C-alpha atoms as a PDB file:
ATOM      1  CA  VAL A   1      41.803  25.899  30.581  1.00  0.00           C
ATOM      2  CA  ALA A   2      38.235  26.331  29.293  1.00  0.00           C
ATOM      3  CA  ALA A   3      36.850  26.999  32.765  1.00  0.00           C
ATOM      4  CA  GLN A   4      39.464  29.713  33.303  1.00  0.00           C
ATOM      5  CA  LEU A   5      38.760  31.286  29.902  1.00  0.00           C
ATOM      6  CA  ARG A   6      35.066  31.416  30.759  1.00  0.00           C
ATOM      7  CA  SER A   7      35.748  33.038  34.130  1.00  0.00           C
ATOM      8  CA  CYS A   8      37.807  35.692  32.300  1.00  0.00           C
ATOM      9  CA  GLY A   9      34.945  36.340  29.876  1.00  0.00           C
ATOM     10  CA  ILE A  10      36.999  35.233  26.859  1.00  0.00           C
ATOM     11  CA  PRO A  11      34.966  33.488  24.089  1.00  0.00           C
ATOM     12  CA  PHE A  12      36.301  29.976  23.421  1.00  0.00           C
ATOM     13  CA  THR A  13      35.694  26.599  21.817  1.00  0.00           C
ATOM     14  CA  ILE A  14      36.968  23.444  23.513  1.00  0.00           C
ATOM     15  CA  ILE A  15      37.614  20.482  21.196  1.00  0.00           C
ATOM     16  CA  ASP A  16      38.124  16.939  22.483  1.00  0.00           C
ATOM     17  CA  LEU A  17      37.761  13.487  20.969  1.00  0.00           C
ATOM     18  CA  ARG A  18      35.778  12.339  24.022  1.00  0.00           C
ATOM     19  CA  ASP A  19      32.463  13.775  25.200  1.00  0.00           C
ATOM     20  CA  ALA A  20      33.671  13.972  28.790  1.00  0.00           C
ATOM     21  CA  PHE A  21      36.690  15.228  30.712  1.00  0.00           C
ATOM     22  CA  HIS A  22      38.713  12.308  32.072  1.00  0.00           C
ATOM     23  CA  HIS A  23      40.108  12.817  35.571  1.00  0.00           C
ATOM     24  CA  ASN A  24      43.113  10.698  34.673  1.00  0.00           C
ATOM     25  CA  VAL A  25      44.615  10.912  38.169  1.00  0.00           C
ATOM     26  CA  ALA A  26      41.956   8.433  39.329  1.00  0.00           C
ATOM     27  CA  SER A  27      42.154   6.020  36.377  1.00  0.00           C
ATOM     28  CA  LEU A  28      44.019   3.337  38.334  1.00  0.00           C
ATOM     29  CA  ARG A  29      41.497   3.357  41.192  1.00  0.00           C
ATOM     30  CA  ALA A  30      38.788   2.990  38.536  1.00  0.00           C
ATOM     31  CA  SER A  31      40.637  -0.140  37.377  1.00  0.00           C
ATOM     32  CA  VAL A  32      40.295  -1.921  40.727  1.00  0.00           C
ATOM     33  CA  GLN A  33      37.045  -0.649  42.277  1.00  0.00           C
ATOM     34  CA  SER A  34      33.780  -1.641  40.618  1.00  0.00           C
ATOM     35  CA  GLY A  35      31.562   1.358  39.831  1.00  0.00           C
ATOM     36  CA  PHE A  36      34.293   3.923  40.547  1.00  0.00           C
ATOM     37  CA  ALA A  37      34.862   4.915  36.897  1.00  0.00           C
ATOM     38  CA  LYS A  38      31.654   6.956  36.675  1.00  0.00           C
ATOM     39  CA  GLN A  39      33.242   9.474  39.048  1.00  0.00           C
ATOM     40  CA  THR A  40      36.234   9.961  36.719  1.00  0.00           C
ATOM     41  CA  PHE A  41      34.387  11.115  33.564  1.00  0.00           C
ATOM     42  CA  ILE A  42      32.712  14.547  33.656  1.00  0.00           C
ATOM     43  CA  PRO A  43      30.479  15.438  30.643  1.00  0.00           C
ATOM     44  CA  TYR A  44      31.657  18.516  28.735  1.00  0.00           C
ATOM     45  CA  SER A  45      28.287  19.577  27.332  1.00  0.00           C
ATOM     46  CA  GLN A  46      26.704  20.103  30.755  1.00  0.00           C
ATOM     47  CA  THR A  47      29.472  22.557  31.624  1.00  0.00           C
ATOM     48  CA  PHE A  48      30.316  24.233  28.322  1.00  0.00           C
ATOM     49  CA  GLY A  49      27.181  23.744  26.196  1.00  0.00           C
ATOM     50  CA  GLU A  50      27.681  25.047  22.642  1.00  0.00           C
ATOM     51  CA  ASN A  51      31.293  25.958  23.418  1.00  0.00           C
ATOM     52  CA  PHE A  52      32.160  22.237  23.328  1.00  0.00           C
ATOM     53  CA  LEU A  53      32.898  20.470  20.045  1.00  0.00           C
ATOM     54  CA  GLN A  54      33.589  16.740  19.920  1.00  0.00           C
ATOM     55  CA  GLY A  55      36.133  15.652  17.336  1.00  0.00           C
ATOM     56  CA  ARG A  56      39.761  14.881  16.628  1.00  0.00           C
ATOM     57  CA  VAL A  57      42.061  17.686  15.476  1.00  0.00           C
ATOM     58  CA  VAL A  58      44.248  16.338  12.657  1.00  0.00           C
ATOM     59  CA  ARG A  59      45.984  19.535  11.544  1.00  0.00           C
ATOM     60  CA  ILE A  60      46.712  23.064  12.668  1.00  0.00           C
ATOM     61  CA  ASN A  61      47.203  25.818  10.078  1.00  0.00           C
ATOM     62  CA  PRO A  62      48.991  28.709  11.848  1.00  0.00           C
ATOM     63  CA  GLU A  63      48.967  30.942   8.741  1.00  0.00           C
ATOM     64  CA  ALA A  64      45.204  30.699   8.215  1.00  0.00           C
ATOM     65  CA  GLN A  65      44.583  30.443  11.982  1.00  0.00           C
ATOM     66  CA  VAL A  66      42.370  27.369  11.712  1.00  0.00           C
ATOM     67  CA  VAL A  67      42.341  23.884  13.181  1.00  0.00           C
ATOM     68  CA  VAL A  68      41.090  21.058  10.969  1.00  0.00           C
ATOM     69  CA  LEU A  69      39.063  18.139  12.343  1.00  0.00           C
ATOM     70  CA  ASP A  70      39.144  14.602  10.947  1.00  0.00           C
ATOM     71  CA  GLY A  71      35.827  15.143   9.141  1.00  0.00           C
ATOM     72  CA  GLY A  72      37.235  18.190   7.340  1.00  0.00           C
ATOM     73  CA  LYS A  73      35.493  20.786   9.514  1.00  0.00           C
ATOM     74  CA  GLU A  74      37.584  23.917  10.094  1.00  0.00           C
ATOM     75  CA  VAL A  75      37.477  25.981  13.280  1.00  0.00           C
ATOM     76  CA  ARG A  76      38.962  29.478  13.246  1.00  0.00           C
ATOM     77  CA  TYR A  77      40.859  30.997  16.149  1.00  0.00           C
ATOM     78  CA  THR A  78      42.640  34.186  17.165  1.00  0.00           C
ATOM     79  CA  HIS A  79      44.516  32.392  19.961  1.00  0.00           C
ATOM     80  CA  LEU A  80      45.119  28.674  20.355  1.00  0.00           C
ATOM     81  CA  ILE A  81      45.992  26.616  23.428  1.00  0.00           C
ATOM     82  CA  ILE A  82      47.292  23.132  22.620  1.00  0.00           C
ATOM     83  CA  CYS A  83      46.832  20.675  25.478  1.00  0.00           C
ATOM     84  CA  THR A  84      46.870  17.315  23.711  1.00  0.00           C
ATOM     85  CA  GLY A  85      48.684  15.605  26.582  1.00  0.00           C
ATOM     86  CA  SER A  86      50.356  12.245  26.334  1.00  0.00           C
ATOM     87  CA  ASP A  87      49.185   8.792  25.394  1.00  0.00           C
ATOM     88  CA  GLY A  88      49.973   5.419  26.873  1.00  0.00           C
ATOM     89  CA  PRO A  89      48.519   1.981  27.432  1.00  0.00           C
ATOM     90  CA  PHE A  90      45.105   1.464  29.017  1.00  0.00           C
ATOM     91  CA  PRO A  91      44.151   1.576  31.895  1.00  0.00           C
ATOM     92  CA  GLY A  92      46.682   4.269  32.850  1.00  0.00           C
ATOM     93  CA  LYS A  93      45.503   6.347  29.879  1.00  0.00           C
ATOM     94  CA  PHE A  94      42.223   6.465  27.956  1.00  0.00           C
ATOM     95  CA  ASN A  95      42.701   8.435  24.749  1.00  0.00           C
ATOM     96  CA  ILE A  96      40.242   6.924  22.296  1.00  0.00           C
ATOM     97  CA  GLU A  97      37.105   8.332  20.684  1.00  0.00           C
ATOM     98  CA  ALA A  98      34.378   7.008  22.919  1.00  0.00           C
ATOM     99  CA  SER A  99      31.258   8.090  24.731  1.00  0.00           C
ATOM    100  CA  CYS A 100      31.319   8.595  28.464  1.00  0.00           C
ATOM    101  CA  GLN A 101      29.285   5.410  28.931  1.00  0.00           C
ATOM    102  CA  THR A 102      31.619   3.327  26.746  1.00  0.00           C
ATOM    103  CA  ALA A 103      34.639   4.598  28.679  1.00  0.00           C
ATOM    104  CA  ILE A 104      33.049   3.726  32.019  1.00  0.00           C
ATOM    105  CA  GLU A 105      32.185   0.242  30.748  1.00  0.00           C
ATOM    106  CA  LYS A 106      35.784  -0.296  29.628  1.00  0.00           C
ATOM    107  CA  TYR A 107      37.082   0.463  33.115  1.00  0.00           C
ATOM    108  CA  ASP A 108      34.416  -1.681  34.761  1.00  0.00           C
ATOM    109  CA  ALA A 109      35.499  -4.501  32.429  1.00  0.00           C
ATOM    110  CA  ILE A 110      39.130  -4.386  33.586  1.00  0.00           C
ATOM    111  CA  VAL A 111      37.954  -4.435  37.207  1.00  0.00           C
ATOM    112  CA  ALA A 112      36.257  -7.740  36.393  1.00  0.00           C
ATOM    113  CA  GLU A 113      39.441  -9.061  34.738  1.00  0.00           C
ATOM    114  CA  ILE A 114      41.530  -8.208  37.814  1.00  0.00           C
ATOM    115  CA  GLN A 115      38.927  -9.797  40.075  1.00  0.00           C
ATOM    116  CA  ALA A 116      39.056 -12.990  37.989  1.00  0.00           C
ATOM    117  CA  ALA A 117      42.864 -13.261  38.081  1.00  0.00           C
ATOM    118  CA  ASN A 118      44.870 -14.972  40.809  1.00  0.00           C
ATOM    119  CA  SER A 119      48.195 -13.511  39.694  1.00  0.00           C
ATOM    120  CA  VAL A 120      48.915 -10.196  37.977  1.00  0.00           C
ATOM    121  CA  ILE A 121      52.028  -8.857  36.250  1.00  0.00           C
ATOM    122  CA  VAL A 122      52.426  -5.068  36.108  1.00  0.00           C
ATOM    123  CA  VAL A 123      54.924  -4.032  33.426  1.00  0.00           C
ATOM    124  CA  GLY A 124      56.754  -0.760  34.073  1.00  0.00           C
ATOM    125  CA  GLY A 125      57.828   0.695  37.402  1.00  0.00           C
ATOM    126  CA  GLY A 126      57.408   4.381  36.693  1.00  0.00           C
ATOM    127  CA  SER A 127      54.868   6.281  38.769  1.00  0.00           C
ATOM    128  CA  THR A 128      51.901   4.694  36.951  1.00  0.00           C
ATOM    129  CA  GLY A 129      53.151   1.141  37.420  1.00  0.00           C
ATOM    130  CA  VAL A 130      53.997   1.739  41.079  1.00  0.00           C
ATOM    131  CA  GLU A 131      50.516   3.127  41.758  1.00  0.00           C
ATOM    132  CA  MET A 132      48.850   0.328  39.751  1.00  0.00           C
ATOM    133  CA  ALA A 133      50.605  -2.434  41.698  1.00  0.00           C
ATOM    134  CA  ALA A 134      49.745  -0.738  44.997  1.00  0.00           C
ATOM    135  CA  GLU A 135      46.085  -0.299  44.022  1.00  0.00           C
ATOM    136  CA  ILE A 136      45.688  -3.987  43.146  1.00  0.00           C
ATOM    137  CA  ARG A 137      47.298  -5.270  46.354  1.00  0.00           C
ATOM    138  CA  THR A 138      45.292  -2.797  48.454  1.00  0.00           C
ATOM    139  CA  GLU A 139      41.937  -3.931  47.047  1.00  0.00           C
ATOM    140  CA  TYR A 140      42.869  -7.592  46.550  1.00  0.00           C
ATOM    141  CA  PRO A 141      45.572  -8.580  49.082  1.00  0.00           C
ATOM    142  CA  GLU A 142      45.068 -12.253  48.254  1.00  0.00           C
ATOM    143  CA  LYS A 143      46.286 -11.818  44.669  1.00  0.00           C
ATOM    144  CA  LYS A 144      49.915 -12.293  43.698  1.00  0.00           C
ATOM    145  CA  VAL A 145      51.189  -9.075  42.103  1.00  0.00           C
ATOM    146  CA  THR A 146      54.607  -8.826  40.446  1.00  0.00           C
ATOM    147  CA  LEU A 147      56.018  -5.525  39.183  1.00  0.00           C
ATOM    148  CA  ILE A 148      58.646  -5.794  36.434  1.00  0.00           C
ATOM    149  CA  HIS A 149      60.768  -2.711  35.770  1.00  0.00           C
ATOM    150  CA  SER A 150      63.704  -2.264  33.398  1.00  0.00           C
ATOM    151  CA  HIS A 151      65.521   0.057  35.834  1.00  0.00           C
ATOM    152  CA  ILE A 152      66.593  -0.447  39.438  1.00  0.00           C
ATOM    153  CA  GLY A 153      64.992   2.753  40.763  1.00  0.00           C
ATOM    154  CA  LEU A 154      61.200   2.941  40.936  1.00  0.00           C
ATOM    155  CA  ALA A 155      58.835   5.847  40.156  1.00  0.00           C
ATOM    156  CA  ASP A 156      59.911   9.148  38.579  1.00  0.00           C
ATOM    157  CA  PRO A 157      63.686   9.793  38.410  1.00  0.00           C
ATOM    158  CA  GLU A 158      63.093  13.433  39.372  1.00  0.00           C
ATOM    159  CA  LEU A 159      61.700  12.431  42.763  1.00  0.00           C
ATOM    160  CA  LEU A 160      63.972  12.582  45.801  1.00  0.00           C
ATOM    161  CA  PRO A 161      65.876   9.287  46.261  1.00  0.00           C
ATOM    162  CA  CYS A 162      64.312   8.921  49.727  1.00  0.00           C
ATOM    163  CA  VAL A 163      60.796   9.198  48.233  1.00  0.00           C
ATOM    164  CA  ARG A 164      61.588   6.614  45.559  1.00  0.00           C
ATOM    165  CA  GLN A 165      62.932   4.308  48.268  1.00  0.00           C
ATOM    166  CA  GLN A 166      59.784   4.889  50.316  1.00  0.00           C
ATOM    167  CA  ALA A 167      57.642   3.882  47.325  1.00  0.00           C
ATOM    168  CA  LYS A 168      59.628   0.648  47.097  1.00  0.00           C
ATOM    169  CA  GLU A 169      59.192  -0.020  50.813  1.00  0.00           C
ATOM    170  CA  VAL A 170      55.415   0.519  50.647  1.00  0.00           C
ATOM    171  CA  LEU A 171      55.128  -1.900  47.711  1.00  0.00           C
ATOM    172  CA  LEU A 172      57.091  -4.533  49.619  1.00  0.00           C
ATOM    173  CA  GLN A 173      54.983  -3.943  52.750  1.00  0.00           C
ATOM    174  CA  LYS A 174      51.858  -4.492  50.663  1.00  0.00           C
ATOM    175  CA  GLY A 175      53.296  -7.760  49.358  1.00  0.00           C
ATOM    176  CA  VAL A 176      54.161  -6.752  45.796  1.00  0.00           C
ATOM    177  CA  GLU A 177      56.993  -8.831  44.343  1.00  0.00           C
ATOM    178  CA  LEU A 178      59.603  -6.771  42.495  1.00  0.00           C
ATOM    179  CA  LEU A 179      61.684  -7.771  39.479  1.00  0.00           C
ATOM    180  CA  LEU A 180      63.983  -4.798  38.895  1.00  0.00           C
ATOM    181  CA  GLY A 181      66.580  -4.261  36.186  1.00  0.00           C
ATOM    182  CA  GLN A 182      64.690  -6.612  33.853  1.00  0.00           C
ATOM    183  CA  LYS A 183      62.631  -5.945  30.743  1.00  0.00           C
ATOM    184  CA  VAL A 184      59.744  -8.095  29.505  1.00  0.00           C
ATOM    185  CA  SER A 185      61.007  -9.572  26.248  1.00  0.00           C
ATOM    186  CA  ASN A 186      57.781 -11.116  24.898  1.00  0.00           C
ATOM    187  CA  LEU A 187      55.324  -8.281  25.605  1.00  0.00           C
ATOM    188  CA  LYS A 188      54.101  -8.200  21.980  1.00  0.00           C
ATOM    189  CA  ASP A 189      53.081 -11.861  22.236  1.00  0.00           C
ATOM    190  CA  LEU A 190      51.011 -11.398  25.394  1.00  0.00           C
ATOM    191  CA  LYS A 191      47.309 -10.587  25.640  1.00  0.00           C
ATOM    192  CA  LEU A 192      47.053  -7.451  27.763  1.00  0.00           C
ATOM    193  CA  ASN A 193      44.235  -6.683  30.217  1.00  0.00           C
ATOM    194  CA  ILE A 194      42.558 -10.059  29.632  1.00  0.00           C
ATOM    195  CA  THR A 195      42.657 -12.822  32.228  1.00  0.00           C
ATOM    196  CA  GLN A 196      44.007 -15.998  30.711  1.00  0.00           C
ATOM    197  CA  LYS A 197      45.394 -18.806  32.835  1.00  0.00           C
ATOM    198  CA  ASP A 198      49.070 -19.741  32.678  1.00  0.00           C
ATOM    199  CA  MET A 199      50.460 -16.973  30.479  1.00  0.00           C
ATOM    200  CA  LEU A 200      54.243 -17.180  30.270  1.00  0.00           C
ATOM    201  CA  ILE A 201      56.075 -13.885  30.737  1.00  0.00           C
ATOM    202  CA  LYS A 202      59.769 -13.798  29.805  1.00  0.00           C
ATOM    203  CA  THR A 203      62.403 -11.180  30.637  1.00  0.00           C
ATOM    204  CA  ASP A 204      65.661 -10.254  28.936  1.00  0.00           C
ATOM    205  CA  LYS A 205      67.541 -11.738  31.921  1.00  0.00           C
ATOM    206  CA  GLY A 206      66.075 -15.185  31.309  1.00  0.00           C
ATOM    207  CA  THR A 207      63.472 -15.037  34.080  1.00  0.00           C
ATOM    208  CA  GLU A 208      60.173 -16.775  33.325  1.00  0.00           C
ATOM    209  CA  ILE A 209      56.958 -16.156  35.266  1.00  0.00           C
ATOM    210  CA  VAL A 210      53.497 -17.638  34.867  1.00  0.00           C
ATOM    211  CA  ALA A 211      50.554 -15.293  35.502  1.00  0.00           C
ATOM    212  CA  ASP A 212      46.854 -14.876  34.681  1.00  0.00           C
ATOM    213  CA  LEU A 213      46.836 -11.194  33.762  1.00  0.00           C
ATOM    214  CA  VAL A 214      49.337  -8.702  32.316  1.00  0.00           C
ATOM    215  CA  ILE A 215      48.830  -4.928  32.645  1.00  0.00           C
ATOM    216  CA  ASN A 216      51.231  -2.669  30.765  1.00  0.00           C
ATOM    217  CA  CYS A 217      52.091   0.656  32.414  1.00  0.00           C
ATOM    218  CA  ALA A 218      55.152   1.499  30.305  1.00  0.00           C
ATOM    219  CA  GLY A 219      55.629   3.497  27.128  1.00  0.00           C
ATOM    220  CA  ASN A 220      53.927   6.879  27.452  1.00  0.00           C
ATOM    221  CA  LYS A 221      54.457   9.235  24.513  1.00  0.00           C
ATOM    222  CA  ILE A 222      53.480  12.808  23.659  1.00  0.00           C
ATOM    223  CA  ASN A 223      50.239  13.204  21.667  1.00  0.00           C
ATOM    224  CA  SER A 224      51.635  15.137  18.700  1.00  0.00           C
ATOM    225  CA  GLY A 225      49.250  13.966  15.957  1.00  0.00           C
ATOM    226  CA  ALA A 226      47.304  17.238  15.880  1.00  0.00           C
ATOM    227  CA  TYR A 227      50.339  19.403  15.160  1.00  0.00           C
ATOM    228  CA  SER A 228      53.198  17.227  13.864  1.00  0.00           C
ATOM    229  CA  SER A 229      52.518  17.978  10.169  1.00  0.00           C
ATOM    230  CA  THR A 230      52.576  21.781  10.394  1.00  0.00           C
ATOM    231  CA  LEU A 231      54.545  22.540  13.565  1.00  0.00           C
ATOM    232  CA  SER A 232      57.317  19.949  13.166  1.00  0.00           C
ATOM    233  CA  GLY A 233      59.925  22.711  13.169  1.00  0.00           C
ATOM    234  CA  HIS A 234      58.822  23.676  16.675  1.00  0.00           C
ATOM    235  CA  MET A 235      58.977  20.154  18.134  1.00  0.00           C
ATOM    236  CA  ALA A 236      61.504  18.647  20.495  1.00  0.00           C
ATOM    237  CA  GLU A 237      62.773  15.099  19.886  1.00  0.00           C
ATOM    238  CA  ASN A 238      60.089  13.586  22.128  1.00  0.00           C
ATOM    239  CA  GLY A 239      57.286  15.305  20.179  1.00  0.00           C
ATOM    240  CA  ALA A 240      56.623  18.093  22.679  1.00  0.00           C
ATOM    241  CA  LEU A 241      56.366  21.689  21.487  1.00  0.00           C
ATOM    242  CA  LYS A 242      59.211  24.086  22.244  1.00  0.00           C
ATOM    243  CA  VAL A 243      57.870  27.032  24.221  1.00  0.00           C
ATOM    244  CA  ASN A 244      59.263  30.274  25.620  1.00  0.00           C
ATOM    245  CA  GLU A 245      58.888  31.481  29.212  1.00  0.00           C
ATOM    246  CA  HIS A 246      55.317  32.642  28.445  1.00  0.00           C
ATOM    247  CA  LEU A 247      54.434  29.117  27.178  1.00  0.00           C
ATOM    248  CA  GLN A 248      54.079  30.479  23.636  1.00  0.00           C
ATOM    249  CA  ILE A 249      55.366  28.281  20.826  1.00  0.00           C
ATOM    250  CA  GLU A 250      58.572  29.846  19.585  1.00  0.00           C
ATOM    251  CA  GLY A 251      57.728  32.028  16.581  1.00  0.00           C
ATOM    252  CA  CYS A 252      53.948  31.745  17.077  1.00  0.00           C
ATOM    253  CA  ASP A 253      52.889  34.406  19.568  1.00  0.00           C
ATOM    254  CA  ASN A 254      49.206  33.441  19.532  1.00  0.00           C
ATOM    255  CA  ILE A 255      49.715  29.690  20.069  1.00  0.00           C
ATOM    256  CA  TYR A 256      50.352  28.282  23.537  1.00  0.00           C
ATOM    257  CA  ALA A 257      51.202  24.746  24.652  1.00  0.00           C
ATOM    258  CA  VAL A 258      50.363  23.491  28.142  1.00  0.00           C
ATOM    259  CA  GLY A 259      50.690  20.208  29.996  1.00  0.00           C
ATOM    260  CA  ASP A 260      52.543  17.165  28.707  1.00  0.00           C
ATOM    261  CA  CYS A 261      52.819  18.515  25.144  1.00  0.00           C
ATOM    262  CA  ALA A 262      54.819  21.561  26.321  1.00  0.00           C
ATOM    263  CA  ASP A 263      58.582  21.015  26.289  1.00  0.00           C
ATOM    264  CA  VAL A 264      59.188  22.169  29.865  1.00  0.00           C
ATOM    265  CA  ASN A 265      61.904  20.542  31.959  1.00  0.00           C
ATOM    266  CA  GLU A 266      59.780  19.047  34.745  1.00  0.00           C
ATOM    267  CA  PRO A 267      57.812  15.835  35.393  1.00  0.00           C
ATOM    268  CA  LYS A 268      54.728  15.380  33.212  1.00  0.00           C
ATOM    269  CA  MET A 269      51.807  15.512  35.631  1.00  0.00           C
ATOM    270  CA  ALA A 270      48.364  17.057  36.087  1.00  0.00           C
ATOM    271  CA  TYR A 271      49.607  19.423  38.800  1.00  0.00           C
ATOM    272  CA  HIS A 272      52.020  21.128  36.411  1.00  0.00           C
ATOM    273  CA  ALA A 273      49.456  21.178  33.594  1.00  0.00           C
ATOM    274  CA  GLY A 274      47.150  23.142  35.885  1.00  0.00           C
ATOM    275  CA  LEU A 275      49.890  25.693  36.545  1.00  0.00           C
ATOM    276  CA  HIS A 276      50.578  25.976  32.799  1.00  0.00           C
ATOM    277  CA  ALA A 277      46.882  26.581  32.104  1.00  0.00           C
ATOM    278  CA  GLY A 278      46.795  29.519  34.496  1.00  0.00           C
ATOM    279  CA  VAL A 279      49.779  31.145  32.797  1.00  0.00           C
ATOM    280  CA  ALA A 280      48.436  30.611  29.251  1.00  0.00           C
ATOM    281  CA  VAL A 281      44.973  31.996  30.033  1.00  0.00           C
ATOM    282  CA  THR A 282      46.446  34.975  31.900  1.00  0.00           C
ATOM    283  CA  ASN A 283      48.711  35.724  28.950  1.00  0.00           C
ATOM    284  CA  ILE A 284      45.865  35.600  26.438  1.00  0.00           C
ATOM    285  CA  ALA A 285      43.862  37.984  28.634  1.00  0.00           C
ATOM    286  CA  ASN A 286      46.904  40.254  29.037  1.00  0.00           C
ATOM    287  CA  SER A 287      47.655  40.254  25.305  1.00  0.00           C
ATOM    288  CA  LEU A 288      44.071  41.302  24.574  1.00  0.00           C
ATOM    289  CA  SER A 289      44.251  44.172  27.068  1.00  0.00           C
ATOM    290  CA  GLY A 290      47.792  45.266  26.231  1.00  0.00           C
ATOM    291  CA  LYS A 291      49.286  44.220  29.564  1.00  0.00           C
ATOM    292  CA  PRO A 292      52.728  42.568  29.873  1.00  0.00           C
ATOM    293  CA  LEU A 293      52.823  38.772  29.712  1.00  0.00           C
ATOM    294  CA  THR A 294      53.516  36.635  32.759  1.00  0.00           C
ATOM    295  CA  SER A 295      56.209  33.946  32.834  1.00  0.00           C
ATOM    296  CA  TYR A 296      56.148  30.313  33.893  1.00  0.00           C
ATOM    297  CA  LYS A 297      58.936  29.305  36.226  1.00  0.00           C
ATOM    298  CA  THR A 298      59.673  25.723  37.163  1.00  0.00           C
ATOM    299  CA  GLY A 299      60.246  25.113  40.859  1.00  0.00           C
ATOM    300  CA  ASN A 300      61.378  22.206  42.969  1.00  0.00           C
ATOM    301  CA  VAL A 301      59.482  19.033  42.148  1.00  0.00           C
ATOM    302  CA  THR A 302      56.058  18.477  43.716  1.00  0.00           C
ATOM    303  CA  MET A 303      54.688  14.981  43.188  1.00  0.00           C
ATOM    304  CA  LEU A 304      52.367  12.741  45.180  1.00  0.00           C
ATOM    305  CA  LEU A 305      51.969   8.994  44.581  1.00  0.00           C
ATOM    306  CA  ALA A 306      48.763   7.292  45.734  1.00  0.00           C
ATOM    307  CA  MET A 307      49.834   3.862  46.997  1.00  0.00           C
ATOM    308  CA  GLY A 308      46.282   2.565  47.148  1.00  0.00           C
ATOM    309  CA  ARG A 309      43.521   4.353  49.079  1.00  0.00           C
ATOM    310  CA  ASP A 310      45.278   3.860  52.436  1.00  0.00           C
ATOM    311  CA  ASP A 311      48.863   5.007  51.806  1.00  0.00           C
ATOM    312  CA  GLY A 312      50.941   7.434  49.798  1.00  0.00           C
ATOM    313  CA  VAL A 313      54.407   8.892  49.345  1.00  0.00           C
ATOM    314  CA  GLY A 314      55.560  12.153  47.849  1.00  0.00           C
ATOM    315  CA  GLN A 315      57.161  15.534  48.127  1.00  0.00           C
ATOM    316  CA  PHE A 316      56.101  19.170  48.025  1.00  0.00           C
ATOM    317  CA  ASN A 317      58.450  21.792  46.599  1.00  0.00           C
ATOM    318  CA  GLY A 318      61.365  19.387  46.925  1.00  0.00           C
ATOM    319  CA  ILE A 319      60.652  18.377  50.541  1.00  0.00           C
ATOM    320  CA  ARG A 320      59.499  14.867  51.451  1.00  0.00           C
ATOM    321  CA  LEU A 321      56.023  14.717  52.975  1.00  0.00           C
ATOM    322  CA  PRO A 322      54.853  12.354  55.731  1.00  0.00           C
ATOM    323  CA  ARG A 323      52.912   9.413  54.336  1.00  0.00           C
ATOM    324  CA  PHE A 324      49.740  10.279  56.263  1.00  0.00           C
ATOM    325  CA  LEU A 325      49.634  13.731  54.645  1.00  0.00           C
ATOM    326  CA  VAL A 326      49.885  12.266  51.131  1.00  0.00           C
ATOM    327  CA  THR A 327      47.203   9.726  52.042  1.00  0.00           C
ATOM    328  CA  GLN A 328      44.856  12.480  53.230  1.00  0.00           C
ATOM    329  CA  GLY A 329      45.727  14.926  50.455  1.00  0.00           C
ATOM    330  CA  LYS A 330      45.675  12.586  47.456  1.00  0.00           C
ATOM    331  CA  SER A 331      45.243   8.868  48.039  1.00  0.00           C
ATOM    332  CA  LYS A 332      41.812   8.849  49.682  1.00  0.00           C
ATOM    333  CA  GLY A 333      39.865  10.965  47.193  1.00  0.00           C
ATOM    334  CA  LEU A 334      42.373  11.380  44.325  1.00  0.00           C
ATOM    335  CA  LEU A 335      41.416  15.074  43.998  1.00  0.00           C
ATOM    336  CA  LEU A 336      38.174  14.190  42.221  1.00  0.00           C
ATOM    337  CA  TRP A 337      36.374  16.958  44.119  1.00  0.00           C
ATOM    338  CA  LYS A 338      38.635  19.517  42.426  1.00  0.00           C
ATOM    339  CA  SER A 339      37.718  18.514  38.857  1.00  0.00           C
ATOM    340  CA  TRP A 340      33.977  18.294  39.582  1.00  0.00           C
ATOM    341  CA  ARG A 341      34.120  21.724  41.234  1.00  0.00           C
ATOM    342  CA  GLU A 342      36.038  23.257  38.313  1.00  0.00           C
ATOM    343  CA  MET A 343      33.477  21.791  35.905  1.00  0.00           C
ATOM    344  CA  GLY A 344      30.644  23.192  38.037  1.00  0.00           C
ATOM    345  CA  GLN A 345      28.948  19.818  38.404  1.00  0.00           C
ATOM    346  CA  LYS A 346      28.008  17.512  41.264  1.00  0.00           C
ATOM    347  CA  ALA A 347      29.813  14.171  41.403  1.00  0.00           C
ATOM    348  CA  PRO A 348      27.621  11.051  41.212  1.00  0.00           C
ATOM    349  CA  SER A 349      27.182   9.131  44.447  1.00  0.00           C
ATOM    350  CA  THR A 350      29.429   6.094  44.838  1.00  0.00           C
END
C-alpha cells in the first residue's frame, strides 16, 4: 500500500509494530532452512524513511480523524487504510513487537528445534499446516511427520476438490502421516515449538501419539484490536470490517480496509491483499482528483500451495495448474523477489 501511495505522489505515514515488513508467504521455509529468515524481513526505514512510524495502533477515532498509538501518540489522517491482517500461532505468523534481528533469531531458533527432533506433530491441516508438513519432510526426509486435522478435507475449502486431493497425495508421497477427522484434545497442555522427548499427544477420538515436537498451525483470527473499540458497529462476526464495493468501510467514506481484515468473501491470502491495495490506493487518488471510484470484484479462486521447495499444487482463476508450474512460480522462490522489488531494496545473499 505505502509503495503504491508513494508512486502516486500521495503523502502518507505507515505504522507497524515491527520495524520490518514480513514476507509471510515464506515464513514456513524460514522455519526449516537455517539462515533463510533474513530474506523474509525487509526494513521499513530504508524504504520509507521518515514516513515510517513504529508502534501499535490501539484506537481509531473516525470523528477526529486520528489514530492513537499505545504510548498515547496521536497521528492525524485525511484518509486511512486499515491492513491489520490476521494473527495466528508462530511460526506461520509473526505478529509481535520485535526488531528485525529478534524476529530472524526466533525463526532460526525453531529451525534448530526441528533439526533436533526425530518426530514432529503438525496440528491443523489448512493451507498453513499442509505447507508446514511438506516443508519439514522436504528438508528432513528422515524425520517422522504427522499432520492432525479436525476435518477430512485438507487445505482451503474454497480450493477445487481435485487440488485438495492433490495436496493430500503430495503429502503422502513425501511420507507425511495423516490423522484426519481428529482434533488434538490436550493442546493446551503441550509445549509448542520446543523439542522435548516423548510428549504425549491425545485426540478426541482416543488416539495417542508420542512425538518430540508439536507445531500448531490452527486457529488464525482477524487482527481487530486497533479498531474494535470504535468501529465495532462495522464489524462482521469474525472481526473483519464490512466494506462496500470500493473497499470503504460502510458509513466511513475516507476509511478503507484491505487484506484479511476486509470482510470480502474470498480466501484470506497475500495475493488478494495485493489486489485490495491497488483498489484502495486508486480510490484515494480518484477521490482527491474528483474522479469516479473503482470497484473490487472477486473472481474465481487463485491459490498456490508450496509443498516444499520441489513441489506445489494450486489453481489460477478456478483452473487447476500443473504441479511443475506451481513449483516454478511459487515453491522455489516463494515470491520473495516481488517484495524486495516493491520495497526498492536488494535481498541479502543466502
